[in-house]
Amino acid sequence: MSVPALSGEQSLNRYLSEIKKFPILTPEQEYMLAKRYQEHEDPEAAAQLVTSHLRLVAKIAMGYRGYGLPISDLISEGNVGLMQGVKKFEPDRGFRLATYAMWWIKASIQEFILRSWSLVKMGTTAAQKKLFFNLRRMKRNLDAYEDTDLHPDDVATIARELGVPEQEVVNMNRRMLMGGDSSLNVSMRSDEEGSGQWQDWLQDDRPLQDVVVAEAEEADVRRAMLVEAMDSLNERERHILTERRLVDNPQTLEELSQVYDVSRERIRQIEVRAFEKLQKAMQRIASEKLLPAPA
C-alpha cells in the first residue's frame, strides 16, 4: 500500500503538502473501491481508499498536538488506524468510509498517547481515559484553562458531566499540568527559519469535504446509538439520567428526590447504575456495528 513517507518532524511539512495531492473520492467511487477490496482483497483499491483519507488523519492528529508527542508519530498511528478501518469497512452498511474510519483513527491515536504518556500510565481505566481526553475541552468551556488547580465548582461540574469522582478530576488535572503543552509558536522544521509554525495549521486554507461530512455523520451515528442504548433503561432510570446528564440545565438530586419521594442518595445510586447500563449498551451496539467502543 503506497503511503507517503513520514520519517520525522523535518519531513512533516513535505508530507502535509504531498497528501493534498490525492483526490477526494465521490461516494460512488468509494463504494466501488470498497467492494473491490471486500470481495477480492484488491491492494490497489485499498491503497486508493487509504490515500484519499490521509488528510482526514492529519486533521484529526492535529487535534491531539497538545499532549507533548511528535505530530509525525500521531499521524503515523492514525494512519495505522485508518488502514484497520479500511480492512473492516463494510460499504453495504450505508456509512461513508470517513465516518467509519474516524473511530479507528481516534482510537489508534488515543491508545498511542496513553502508551506513551508516562504520567497517565497509573490510570488507564475507561473512566480515566474519558477524563484524560475530555478534560482540556471541558476546562475551555468553563473558562478554567490556566496552569493552576481547578476551582471546586469547576471540579464538581466536570466530575458530574463525566461521571467520575471529584478527586480523580483534581489528580488528572495536576498530572496534565505537570506534563505541559507544546507551544504552537515553534517552527515546524527545526533546521530552518521561516518554515512556518504549528499555529499556521490551525486554520485550513480550504475546507476538507471529507472532514465536514465525516464529523456530521459521526454525530448522527452517536445520536442514533444513544437513542438505541437508552432503550436498555427503564422509565425511571431514563428520566433521571436525562435530567441529570443530558439536558442543558440539570436538575439537582434534591429536586429529583422530591419527584420520586426517595432520598438524594437513592437518586444518585439510580443515576450511576443507569449510566453504567448505558455505557454497556453503547459498547454492545458499537461492537455490533463493528465500531470501536466510545471512550
Protein backbone atom coordinates (compact mmCIF):
# COMPACT_ATOMS: atom_id res chain seq x y z
CA MET A 1 0.00 0.00 0.00
CA SER A 2 1.65 3.25 -1.13
CA VAL A 3 1.59 5.90 1.60
CA PRO A 4 3.93 8.94 1.54
CA ALA A 5 6.92 8.53 3.85
CA LEU A 6 6.78 10.27 7.22
CA SER A 7 10.10 9.74 8.96
CA GLY A 8 10.20 12.65 11.39
CA GLU A 9 9.39 16.28 12.08
CA GLN A 10 11.71 17.54 9.34
CA SER A 11 9.74 15.72 6.66
CA LEU A 12 6.33 16.69 8.03
CA ASN A 13 5.90 19.87 6.01
CA ARG A 14 6.60 17.98 2.79
CA TYR A 15 4.27 15.14 3.83
CA LEU A 16 1.38 17.51 4.51
CA SER A 17 1.85 19.03 1.07
CA GLU A 18 2.01 15.65 -0.64
CA ILE A 19 -1.18 14.24 0.84
CA LYS A 20 -3.16 17.20 -0.50
CA LYS A 21 -2.50 15.87 -3.99
CA PHE A 22 -4.62 12.76 -3.51
CA PRO A 23 -8.17 13.33 -4.80
CA ILE A 24 -11.25 13.05 -2.63
CA LEU A 25 -13.40 10.15 -3.80
CA THR A 26 -17.03 10.51 -4.77
CA PRO A 27 -19.49 8.26 -2.89
CA GLU A 28 -19.78 6.06 -5.98
CA GLN A 29 -16.00 5.72 -6.42
CA GLU A 30 -15.57 4.95 -2.73
CA TYR A 31 -18.28 2.28 -2.80
CA MET A 32 -16.85 0.52 -5.85
CA LEU A 33 -13.32 0.53 -4.43
CA ALA A 34 -14.54 -0.75 -1.06
CA LYS A 35 -16.46 -3.56 -2.75
CA ARG A 36 -13.39 -4.49 -4.79
CA TYR A 37 -11.30 -4.75 -1.65
CA GLN A 38 -14.01 -6.54 0.35
CA GLU A 39 -14.66 -9.16 -2.34
CA HIS A 40 -11.21 -9.56 -3.93
CA GLU A 41 -8.76 -8.01 -1.39
CA ASP A 42 -7.51 -5.80 -4.21
CA PRO A 43 -4.45 -3.95 -2.80
CA GLU A 44 -4.78 -1.12 -5.33
CA ALA A 45 -8.35 -0.47 -4.22
CA ALA A 46 -7.22 -0.41 -0.58
CA ALA A 47 -4.39 1.99 -1.44
CA GLN A 48 -6.78 4.43 -3.10
CA LEU A 49 -9.14 4.29 -0.13
CA VAL A 50 -6.28 4.96 2.29
CA THR A 51 -4.53 7.74 0.38
CA SER A 52 -7.78 9.61 -0.23
CA HIS A 53 -8.28 9.83 3.54
CA LEU A 54 -4.77 10.77 4.68
CA ARG A 55 -5.83 14.40 5.07
CA LEU A 56 -8.54 13.25 7.47
CA VAL A 57 -5.89 11.51 9.61
CA ALA A 58 -3.68 14.62 9.66
CA LYS A 59 -6.63 16.80 10.61
CA ILE A 60 -7.59 14.51 13.49
CA ALA A 61 -3.96 14.14 14.65
CA MET A 62 -3.60 17.94 14.83
CA GLY A 63 -6.34 17.91 17.45
CA TYR A 64 -4.07 15.87 19.75
CA ARG A 65 -0.95 18.01 19.38
CA GLY A 66 -1.23 19.33 22.97
CA TYR A 67 -0.11 16.06 24.58
CA GLY A 68 3.61 16.64 24.10
CA LEU A 69 4.20 13.95 21.45
CA PRO A 70 5.62 14.46 17.94
CA ILE A 71 2.83 15.19 15.50
CA SER A 72 4.51 12.90 12.98
CA ASP A 73 4.09 9.98 15.41
CA LEU A 74 0.44 10.85 15.96
CA ILE A 75 -0.17 10.90 12.22
CA SER A 76 1.63 7.59 11.76
CA GLU A 77 -0.51 5.97 14.45
CA GLY A 78 -3.62 7.50 12.91
CA ASN A 79 -2.64 6.02 9.55
CA VAL A 80 -2.48 2.59 11.20
CA GLY A 81 -5.99 3.12 12.50
CA LEU A 82 -7.13 4.22 9.03
CA MET A 83 -5.76 1.02 7.49
CA GLN A 84 -7.57 -1.05 10.12
CA GLY A 85 -10.75 0.84 9.31
CA VAL A 86 -10.35 0.16 5.59
CA LYS A 87 -9.87 -3.56 6.25
CA LYS A 88 -13.04 -3.80 8.35
CA PHE A 89 -15.18 -1.37 6.34
CA GLU A 90 -18.44 -2.80 5.02
CA PRO A 91 -19.80 -0.41 2.33
CA ASP A 92 -23.25 -2.02 2.25
CA ARG A 93 -23.96 -0.83 5.79
CA GLY A 94 -24.59 2.67 4.42
CA PHE A 95 -21.78 4.61 6.15
CA ARG A 96 -19.17 6.64 4.32
CA LEU A 97 -15.64 5.40 4.95
CA ALA A 98 -14.64 8.70 6.55
CA THR A 99 -17.34 8.31 9.19
CA TYR A 100 -16.36 4.72 9.94
CA ALA A 101 -12.59 5.23 9.78
CA MET A 102 -12.71 8.26 12.07
CA TRP A 103 -13.48 5.95 15.01
CA TRP A 104 -10.47 3.76 14.24
CA ILE A 105 -8.16 6.74 13.69
CA LYS A 106 -9.09 8.34 17.00
CA ALA A 107 -8.86 5.04 18.87
CA SER A 108 -5.39 4.34 17.47
CA ILE A 109 -4.09 7.81 18.31
CA GLN A 110 -5.57 7.78 21.80
CA GLU A 111 -4.12 4.37 22.62
CA PHE A 112 -0.71 5.57 21.40
CA ILE A 113 -0.91 8.66 23.64
CA LEU A 114 -1.86 6.56 26.66
CA ARG A 115 1.01 4.15 25.98
CA SER A 116 3.48 7.00 25.55
CA TRP A 117 2.42 9.44 28.25
CA SER A 118 4.03 8.06 31.40
CA LEU A 119 2.01 10.40 33.61
CA VAL A 120 -1.20 8.55 32.88
CA LYS A 121 0.12 5.01 32.97
CA MET A 122 -1.05 4.87 36.58
CA GLY A 123 -4.65 5.22 35.45
CA THR A 124 -5.98 3.74 32.23
CA THR A 125 -9.48 2.60 33.17
CA ALA A 126 -12.28 3.53 30.78
CA ALA A 127 -13.36 6.38 33.07
CA GLN A 128 -9.82 7.75 33.36
CA LYS A 129 -9.32 7.58 29.60
CA LYS A 130 -12.53 9.53 29.13
CA LEU A 131 -11.39 12.09 31.70
CA PHE A 132 -7.94 12.37 30.12
CA PHE A 133 -9.26 13.09 26.63
CA ASN A 134 -12.11 15.42 27.69
CA LEU A 135 -10.56 17.46 30.49
CA ARG A 136 -8.97 20.12 28.27
CA ARG A 137 -12.19 20.69 26.33
CA MET A 138 -14.29 20.99 29.48
CA LYS A 139 -11.81 23.39 31.06
CA ARG A 140 -12.03 25.62 28.00
CA ASN A 141 -15.83 25.52 28.16
CA LEU A 142 -15.67 26.60 31.81
CA ASP A 143 -13.06 29.34 31.10
CA ALA A 144 -10.78 27.47 33.50
CA TYR A 145 -7.90 26.82 31.11
CA GLU A 146 -4.98 28.02 33.24
CA ASP A 147 -1.96 26.31 34.80
CA THR A 148 -3.41 26.07 38.32
CA ASP A 149 -5.66 23.81 40.33
CA LEU A 150 -9.30 23.92 39.32
CA HIS A 151 -11.90 25.80 41.34
CA PRO A 152 -14.01 23.38 43.43
CA ASP A 153 -17.14 24.35 41.50
CA ASP A 154 -15.41 23.50 38.21
CA VAL A 155 -14.18 20.19 39.65
CA ALA A 156 -17.73 19.31 40.67
CA THR A 157 -19.13 20.23 37.23
CA ILE A 158 -16.55 18.17 35.35
CA ALA A 159 -16.93 15.18 37.68
CA ARG A 160 -20.71 15.25 37.27
CA GLU A 161 -20.59 15.59 33.47
CA LEU A 162 -18.09 12.74 33.04
CA GLY A 163 -19.37 10.51 35.81
CA VAL A 164 -16.07 10.28 37.73
CA PRO A 165 -15.09 11.08 41.34
CA GLU A 166 -14.07 14.68 42.00
CA GLN A 167 -10.68 13.62 43.35
CA GLU A 168 -9.87 11.92 40.03
CA VAL A 169 -10.55 15.22 38.26
CA VAL A 170 -8.16 17.00 40.62
CA ASN A 171 -5.47 14.33 40.23
CA MET A 172 -5.73 14.14 36.43
CA ASN A 173 -5.60 17.93 36.10
CA ARG A 174 -2.39 18.03 38.18
CA ARG A 175 -0.82 15.22 36.11
CA MET A 176 -1.60 17.03 32.89
CA LEU A 177 -0.24 20.31 34.25
CA MET A 178 3.00 18.50 35.07
CA GLY A 179 3.11 17.12 31.54
CA GLY A 180 2.81 20.52 29.94
CA ASP A 181 1.62 21.51 26.48
CA SER A 182 3.60 22.04 23.30
CA SER A 183 3.84 25.60 22.05
CA LEU A 184 2.05 26.37 18.80
CA ASN A 185 4.62 29.08 18.04
CA VAL A 186 7.53 26.74 17.42
CA SER A 187 8.85 26.18 13.91
CA MET A 188 7.55 23.14 12.05
CA ARG A 189 11.09 22.40 10.89
CA SER A 190 13.79 22.87 13.47
CA ASP A 191 16.54 23.24 10.88
CA GLU A 192 15.05 26.21 9.05
CA GLU A 193 13.81 29.67 9.87
CA GLY A 194 10.64 30.88 8.24
CA SER A 195 9.42 27.33 7.61
CA GLY A 196 6.04 28.07 9.23
CA GLN A 197 4.69 27.44 12.72
CA TRP A 198 2.24 24.87 14.03
CA GLN A 199 -0.37 27.57 14.57
CA ASP A 200 -0.39 28.11 10.80
CA TRP A 201 -2.16 24.76 10.50
CA LEU A 202 -4.95 25.61 12.93
CA GLN A 203 -6.97 27.07 10.06
CA ASP A 204 -7.15 25.16 6.84
CA ASP A 205 -6.87 27.24 3.69
CA ARG A 206 -9.68 25.24 2.16
CA PRO A 207 -12.46 23.18 3.76
CA LEU A 208 -11.99 19.43 3.67
CA GLN A 209 -15.19 17.91 2.41
CA ASP A 210 -14.45 14.51 3.89
CA VAL A 211 -13.85 16.02 7.34
CA VAL A 212 -17.08 18.02 7.27
CA VAL A 213 -19.11 15.04 6.09
CA ALA A 214 -17.43 12.62 8.50
CA GLU A 215 -18.00 14.83 11.53
CA ALA A 216 -21.66 15.35 10.65
CA GLU A 217 -22.22 11.65 10.02
CA GLU A 218 -20.34 10.67 13.18
CA ALA A 219 -22.61 12.96 15.20
CA ASP A 220 -25.64 11.27 13.61
CA VAL A 221 -24.22 7.81 14.40
CA ARG A 222 -23.57 8.77 18.03
CA ARG A 223 -27.08 10.17 18.42
CA ALA A 224 -28.62 7.04 16.91
CA MET A 225 -26.52 4.82 19.19
CA LEU A 226 -27.53 6.88 22.24
CA VAL A 227 -31.22 6.66 21.37
CA GLU A 228 -30.94 2.89 20.88
CA ALA A 229 -28.94 2.44 24.09
CA MET A 230 -31.49 4.44 26.12
CA ASP A 231 -33.99 1.66 25.41
CA SER A 232 -31.97 -0.55 27.78
CA LEU A 233 -33.09 1.64 30.72
CA ASN A 234 -36.43 1.54 32.49
CA GLU A 235 -38.59 4.67 32.55
CA ARG A 236 -37.31 5.96 35.90
CA GLU A 237 -33.65 5.38 35.02
CA ARG A 238 -34.11 7.04 31.65
CA HIS A 239 -35.80 10.10 33.19
CA ILE A 240 -33.24 10.53 35.97
CA LEU A 241 -30.24 10.09 33.67
CA THR A 242 -31.72 12.52 31.15
CA GLU A 243 -32.43 15.17 33.77
CA ARG A 244 -29.03 14.76 35.42
CA ARG A 245 -26.70 14.45 32.39
CA LEU A 246 -28.42 15.06 29.07
CA VAL A 247 -30.05 18.47 29.43
CA ASP A 248 -28.60 21.97 29.43
CA ASN A 249 -29.86 22.75 32.95
CA PRO A 250 -29.55 19.55 35.02
CA GLN A 251 -31.87 19.02 37.96
CA THR A 252 -30.37 18.58 41.40
CA LEU A 253 -30.51 15.38 43.42
CA GLU A 254 -32.82 17.16 45.83
CA GLU A 255 -35.28 18.12 43.08
CA LEU A 256 -35.45 14.58 41.73
CA SER A 257 -35.71 13.06 45.20
CA GLN A 258 -38.90 15.07 45.70
CA VAL A 259 -40.29 13.86 42.37
CA TYR A 260 -39.81 10.18 43.29
CA ASP A 261 -40.18 10.58 47.07
CA VAL A 262 -36.85 8.92 47.82
CA SER A 263 -33.59 10.13 49.31
CA ARG A 264 -30.96 12.08 47.35
CA GLU A 265 -28.56 9.17 47.83
CA ARG A 266 -31.06 6.82 46.21
CA ILE A 267 -31.35 9.16 43.19
CA ARG A 268 -27.55 9.24 42.95
CA GLN A 269 -27.40 5.43 43.03
CA ILE A 270 -30.02 5.15 40.28
CA GLU A 271 -28.14 7.72 38.17
CA VAL A 272 -24.84 5.84 38.50
CA ARG A 273 -26.45 2.47 37.73
CA ALA A 274 -28.28 3.91 34.72
CA PHE A 275 -25.09 5.45 33.39
CA GLU A 276 -23.23 2.15 33.71
CA LYS A 277 -26.05 0.33 31.88
CA LEU A 278 -26.00 2.98 29.16
CA GLN A 279 -22.22 2.60 28.69
CA LYS A 280 -22.52 -1.18 28.36
CA ALA A 281 -25.33 -0.82 25.85
CA MET A 282 -23.30 1.68 23.80
CA GLN A 283 -20.32 -0.70 23.78
CA ARG A 284 -22.56 -3.57 22.67
CA ILE A 285 -24.10 -1.50 19.88
CA ALA A 286 -20.69 -0.29 18.72
CA SER A 287 -19.45 -3.90 18.64
CA GLU A 288 -22.46 -4.97 16.60
CA LYS A 289 -21.77 -2.17 14.11
CA LEU A 290 -18.06 -3.12 14.03
CA LEU A 291 -17.09 0.25 15.50
CA PRO A 292 -14.53 0.83 18.26
CA ALA A 293 -16.38 1.38 21.55
CA PRO A 294 -16.84 5.07 22.51
CA ALA A 295 -14.25 6.29 25.02
